[in-house]
């Protein structure tokens, strides 16, 4: 099923209303409803958890410190 038909079914909007949406709103609806569909099953929730972990760009320094792989260094000259 195309994304257009998928959104029509999920939002209740007809094709003309979907065509009049700004593209950013269309993509927002698409992302929102796909996430809602994934949250309905355990496999989908596992997939979303993995995805959020993989897209995290911040290092978990506390976990690294627990494993001993990261130590703070003192500034030179102090």
N, C-alpha and C. Protein backbone atom coordinates (compact mmCIF):
# COMPACT_ATOMS: atom_id res chain seq x y z
N UNK A 1 0.85 -1.17 0.00
CA UNK A 1 0.00 0.00 0.00
C UNK A 1 0.91 1.24 0.00
N UNK A 2 0.54 2.20 -0.78
CA UNK A 2 1.36 3.41 -0.85
C UNK A 2 1.18 4.23 0.43
N UNK A 3 2.14 5.09 0.69
CA UNK A 3 2.05 5.96 1.87
C UNK A 3 0.83 6.86 1.80
N UNK A 4 0.46 7.24 0.59
CA UNK A 4 -0.69 8.12 0.41
C UNK A 4 -1.98 7.43 0.84
N UNK A 5 -2.17 6.19 0.39
CA UNK A 5 -3.36 5.42 0.77
C UNK A 5 -3.31 5.07 2.26
N UNK A 6 -2.12 4.77 2.75
CA UNK A 6 -1.94 4.45 4.18
C UNK A 6 -2.39 5.63 5.05
N UNK A 7 -1.93 6.83 4.70
CA UNK A 7 -2.32 8.00 5.49
C UNK A 7 -3.80 8.31 5.36
N UNK A 8 -4.35 8.10 4.19
CA UNK A 8 -5.78 8.30 4.02
C UNK A 8 -6.59 7.40 4.94
N UNK A 9 -6.14 6.16 5.04
CA UNK A 9 -6.84 5.21 5.91
C UNK A 9 -6.65 5.57 7.39
N UNK A 10 -5.44 5.97 7.77
CA UNK A 10 -5.14 6.24 9.18
C UNK A 10 -5.72 7.57 9.66
N UNK A 11 -5.67 8.62 8.83
CA UNK A 11 -6.10 9.94 9.27
C UNK A 11 -7.56 10.21 8.97
N UNK A 12 -8.13 9.49 8.02
CA UNK A 12 -9.51 9.76 7.63
C UNK A 12 -9.63 10.90 6.63
N UNK A 13 -8.50 11.42 6.18
CA UNK A 13 -8.52 12.48 5.18
C UNK A 13 -8.67 11.87 3.80
N UNK A 14 -9.37 12.58 2.91
CA UNK A 14 -9.49 12.08 1.55
C UNK A 14 -8.26 12.51 0.76
N UNK A 15 -8.17 12.04 -0.50
CA UNK A 15 -6.98 12.31 -1.31
C UNK A 15 -6.78 13.80 -1.54
N UNK A 16 -7.85 14.50 -1.77
CA UNK A 16 -7.74 15.94 -2.01
C UNK A 16 -7.19 16.65 -0.78
N UNK A 17 -7.69 16.28 0.40
CA UNK A 17 -7.20 16.91 1.65
C UNK A 17 -5.73 16.58 1.88
N UNK A 18 -5.32 15.36 1.57
CA UNK A 18 -3.92 15.00 1.72
C UNK A 18 -3.03 15.78 0.75
N UNK A 19 -3.52 16.00 -0.46
CA UNK A 19 -2.75 16.76 -1.44
C UNK A 19 -2.57 18.22 -1.02
N UNK A 20 -3.53 18.75 -0.28
CA UNK A 20 -3.44 20.15 0.14
C UNK A 20 -2.54 20.35 1.36
N UNK A 21 -2.16 19.27 2.02
CA UNK A 21 -1.29 19.39 3.20
C UNK A 21 0.09 19.88 2.79
N UNK A 22 0.71 20.73 3.62
CA UNK A 22 2.13 21.04 3.38
C UNK A 22 2.95 19.75 3.51
N UNK A 23 4.03 19.67 2.74
CA UNK A 23 4.82 18.43 2.70
C UNK A 23 5.35 18.06 4.08
N UNK A 24 5.75 19.06 4.87
CA UNK A 24 6.29 18.77 6.20
C UNK A 24 5.21 18.15 7.10
N UNK A 25 3.98 18.61 6.98
CA UNK A 25 2.88 18.04 7.77
C UNK A 25 2.57 16.62 7.30
N UNK A 26 2.60 16.41 5.99
CA UNK A 26 2.40 15.07 5.44
C UNK A 26 3.41 14.10 6.01
N UNK A 27 4.69 14.50 6.01
CA UNK A 27 5.74 13.63 6.55
C UNK A 27 5.58 13.42 8.05
N UNK A 28 5.13 14.44 8.76
CA UNK A 28 4.89 14.32 10.19
C UNK A 28 3.79 13.31 10.48
N UNK A 29 2.68 13.40 9.74
CA UNK A 29 1.60 12.41 9.89
C UNK A 29 2.10 11.01 9.60
N UNK A 30 2.88 10.88 8.53
CA UNK A 30 3.39 9.57 8.13
C UNK A 30 4.27 8.97 9.23
N UNK A 31 5.20 9.76 9.74
CA UNK A 31 6.09 9.28 10.80
C UNK A 31 5.30 8.92 12.06
N UNK A 32 4.39 9.79 12.44
CA UNK A 32 3.60 9.58 13.66
C UNK A 32 2.80 8.28 13.59
N UNK A 33 2.11 8.05 12.48
CA UNK A 33 1.28 6.85 12.37
C UNK A 33 2.10 5.58 12.21
N UNK A 34 3.26 5.67 11.57
CA UNK A 34 4.11 4.48 11.48
C UNK A 34 4.67 4.11 12.85
N UNK A 35 5.01 5.10 13.66
CA UNK A 35 5.48 4.81 15.03
C UNK A 35 4.35 4.21 15.86
N UNK A 36 3.15 4.77 15.73
CA UNK A 36 2.00 4.20 16.46
C UNK A 36 1.75 2.75 16.07
N UNK A 37 1.88 2.44 14.78
CA UNK A 37 1.70 1.05 14.34
C UNK A 37 2.78 0.14 14.92
N UNK A 38 4.01 0.62 14.97
CA UNK A 38 5.09 -0.19 15.53
C UNK A 38 4.90 -0.43 17.03
N UNK A 39 4.32 0.53 17.73
CA UNK A 39 4.14 0.39 19.18
C UNK A 39 3.06 -0.62 19.55
N UNK A 40 2.29 -1.07 18.57
CA UNK A 40 1.21 -2.02 18.86
C UNK A 40 1.71 -3.44 19.10
N UNK A 41 2.89 -3.78 18.59
CA UNK A 41 3.40 -5.14 18.76
C UNK A 41 4.70 -5.12 19.56
N UNK A 42 5.00 -6.24 20.18
CA UNK A 42 6.24 -6.35 20.94
C UNK A 42 7.46 -6.23 20.04
N UNK A 43 7.39 -6.84 18.86
CA UNK A 43 8.51 -6.73 17.91
C UNK A 43 8.73 -5.28 17.51
N UNK A 44 7.65 -4.55 17.30
CA UNK A 44 7.76 -3.15 16.93
C UNK A 44 8.35 -2.31 18.05
N UNK A 45 7.96 -2.60 19.28
CA UNK A 45 8.51 -1.87 20.43
C UNK A 45 9.99 -2.17 20.59
N UNK A 46 10.38 -3.43 20.36
CA UNK A 46 11.81 -3.79 20.42
C UNK A 46 12.59 -3.05 19.33
N UNK A 47 12.02 -2.98 18.14
CA UNK A 47 12.66 -2.28 17.03
C UNK A 47 12.84 -0.79 17.37
N UNK A 48 11.83 -0.17 17.93
CA UNK A 48 11.92 1.25 18.28
C UNK A 48 12.95 1.48 19.39
N UNK A 49 13.04 0.56 20.33
CA UNK A 49 14.04 0.69 21.40
C UNK A 49 15.45 0.60 20.83
N UNK A 50 15.68 -0.36 19.90
CA UNK A 50 16.99 -0.48 19.26
C UNK A 50 17.30 0.77 18.45
N UNK A 51 16.31 1.25 17.75
CA UNK A 51 16.50 2.43 16.90
C UNK A 51 16.86 3.66 17.73
N UNK A 52 16.18 3.83 18.86
CA UNK A 52 16.49 5.00 19.69
C UNK A 52 17.89 4.87 20.30
N UNK A 53 18.29 3.65 20.61
CA UNK A 53 19.63 3.44 21.16
C UNK A 53 20.70 3.70 20.09
N UNK A 54 20.42 3.29 18.87
CA UNK A 54 21.39 3.46 17.79
C UNK A 54 21.51 4.90 17.31
N UNK A 55 20.44 5.67 17.45
CA UNK A 55 20.48 7.06 16.98
C UNK A 55 20.93 8.02 18.06
N UNK A 56 21.19 7.52 19.27
CA UNK A 56 21.67 8.37 20.35
C UNK A 56 23.10 8.80 20.05
N UNK A 57 23.36 10.09 20.07
CA UNK A 57 24.69 10.60 19.74
C UNK A 57 25.47 11.00 20.99
N UNK A 58 24.87 10.90 22.14
CA UNK A 58 25.53 11.23 23.40
C UNK A 58 26.16 9.97 24.00
N UNK A 59 27.37 10.09 24.48
CA UNK A 59 28.03 8.95 25.13
C UNK A 59 27.49 8.80 26.55
N UNK A 60 27.28 7.57 26.97
CA UNK A 60 26.84 7.29 28.33
C UNK A 60 28.09 7.13 29.19
N UNK A 61 28.59 8.24 29.70
CA UNK A 61 29.85 8.24 30.43
C UNK A 61 29.76 7.46 31.74
N UNK A 62 28.62 7.48 32.39
CA UNK A 62 28.50 6.74 33.64
C UNK A 62 28.65 5.24 33.41
N UNK A 63 28.10 4.73 32.30
CA UNK A 63 28.27 3.31 31.98
C UNK A 63 29.72 2.99 31.66
N UNK A 64 30.37 3.88 30.95
CA UNK A 64 31.79 3.66 30.64
C UNK A 64 32.64 3.65 31.91
N UNK A 65 32.32 4.53 32.84
CA UNK A 65 33.09 4.56 34.10
C UNK A 65 32.89 3.28 34.89
N UNK A 66 31.69 2.72 34.86
CA UNK A 66 31.43 1.47 35.59
C UNK A 66 32.26 0.32 35.04
N UNK A 67 32.49 0.31 33.75
CA UNK A 67 33.29 -0.74 33.13
C UNK A 67 34.78 -0.44 33.19
N UNK A 68 35.14 0.72 33.66
CA UNK A 68 36.55 1.06 33.79
C UNK A 68 37.19 1.49 32.49
N UNK A 69 36.39 1.76 31.47
CA UNK A 69 36.96 2.14 30.19
C UNK A 69 37.10 3.63 29.98
N UNK A 70 36.69 4.40 30.97
CA UNK A 70 36.77 5.85 30.83
C UNK A 70 37.16 6.45 32.17
N UNK A 71 38.20 7.25 32.17
CA UNK A 71 38.63 7.90 33.40
C UNK A 71 38.81 9.38 33.12
N UNK A 72 38.43 10.19 34.06
CA UNK A 72 38.64 11.63 33.87
C UNK A 72 40.10 11.94 34.07
N UNK A 73 40.57 12.87 33.31
CA UNK A 73 41.97 13.27 33.41
C UNK A 73 42.06 14.63 34.07
N UNK A 74 43.09 14.79 34.87
CA UNK A 74 43.30 16.09 35.49
C UNK A 74 43.94 16.99 34.47
N UNK A 75 43.67 18.29 34.60
CA UNK A 75 44.24 19.25 33.68
C UNK A 75 45.75 19.36 33.92
N UNK A 76 46.49 19.50 32.86
CA UNK A 76 47.95 19.61 32.93
C UNK A 76 48.32 20.92 33.58
N UNK A 77 49.26 20.89 34.50
CA UNK A 77 49.73 22.10 35.14
C UNK A 77 49.01 22.44 36.43
N UNK A 78 48.12 21.59 36.87
CA UNK A 78 47.43 21.87 38.13
C UNK A 78 47.88 20.93 39.22
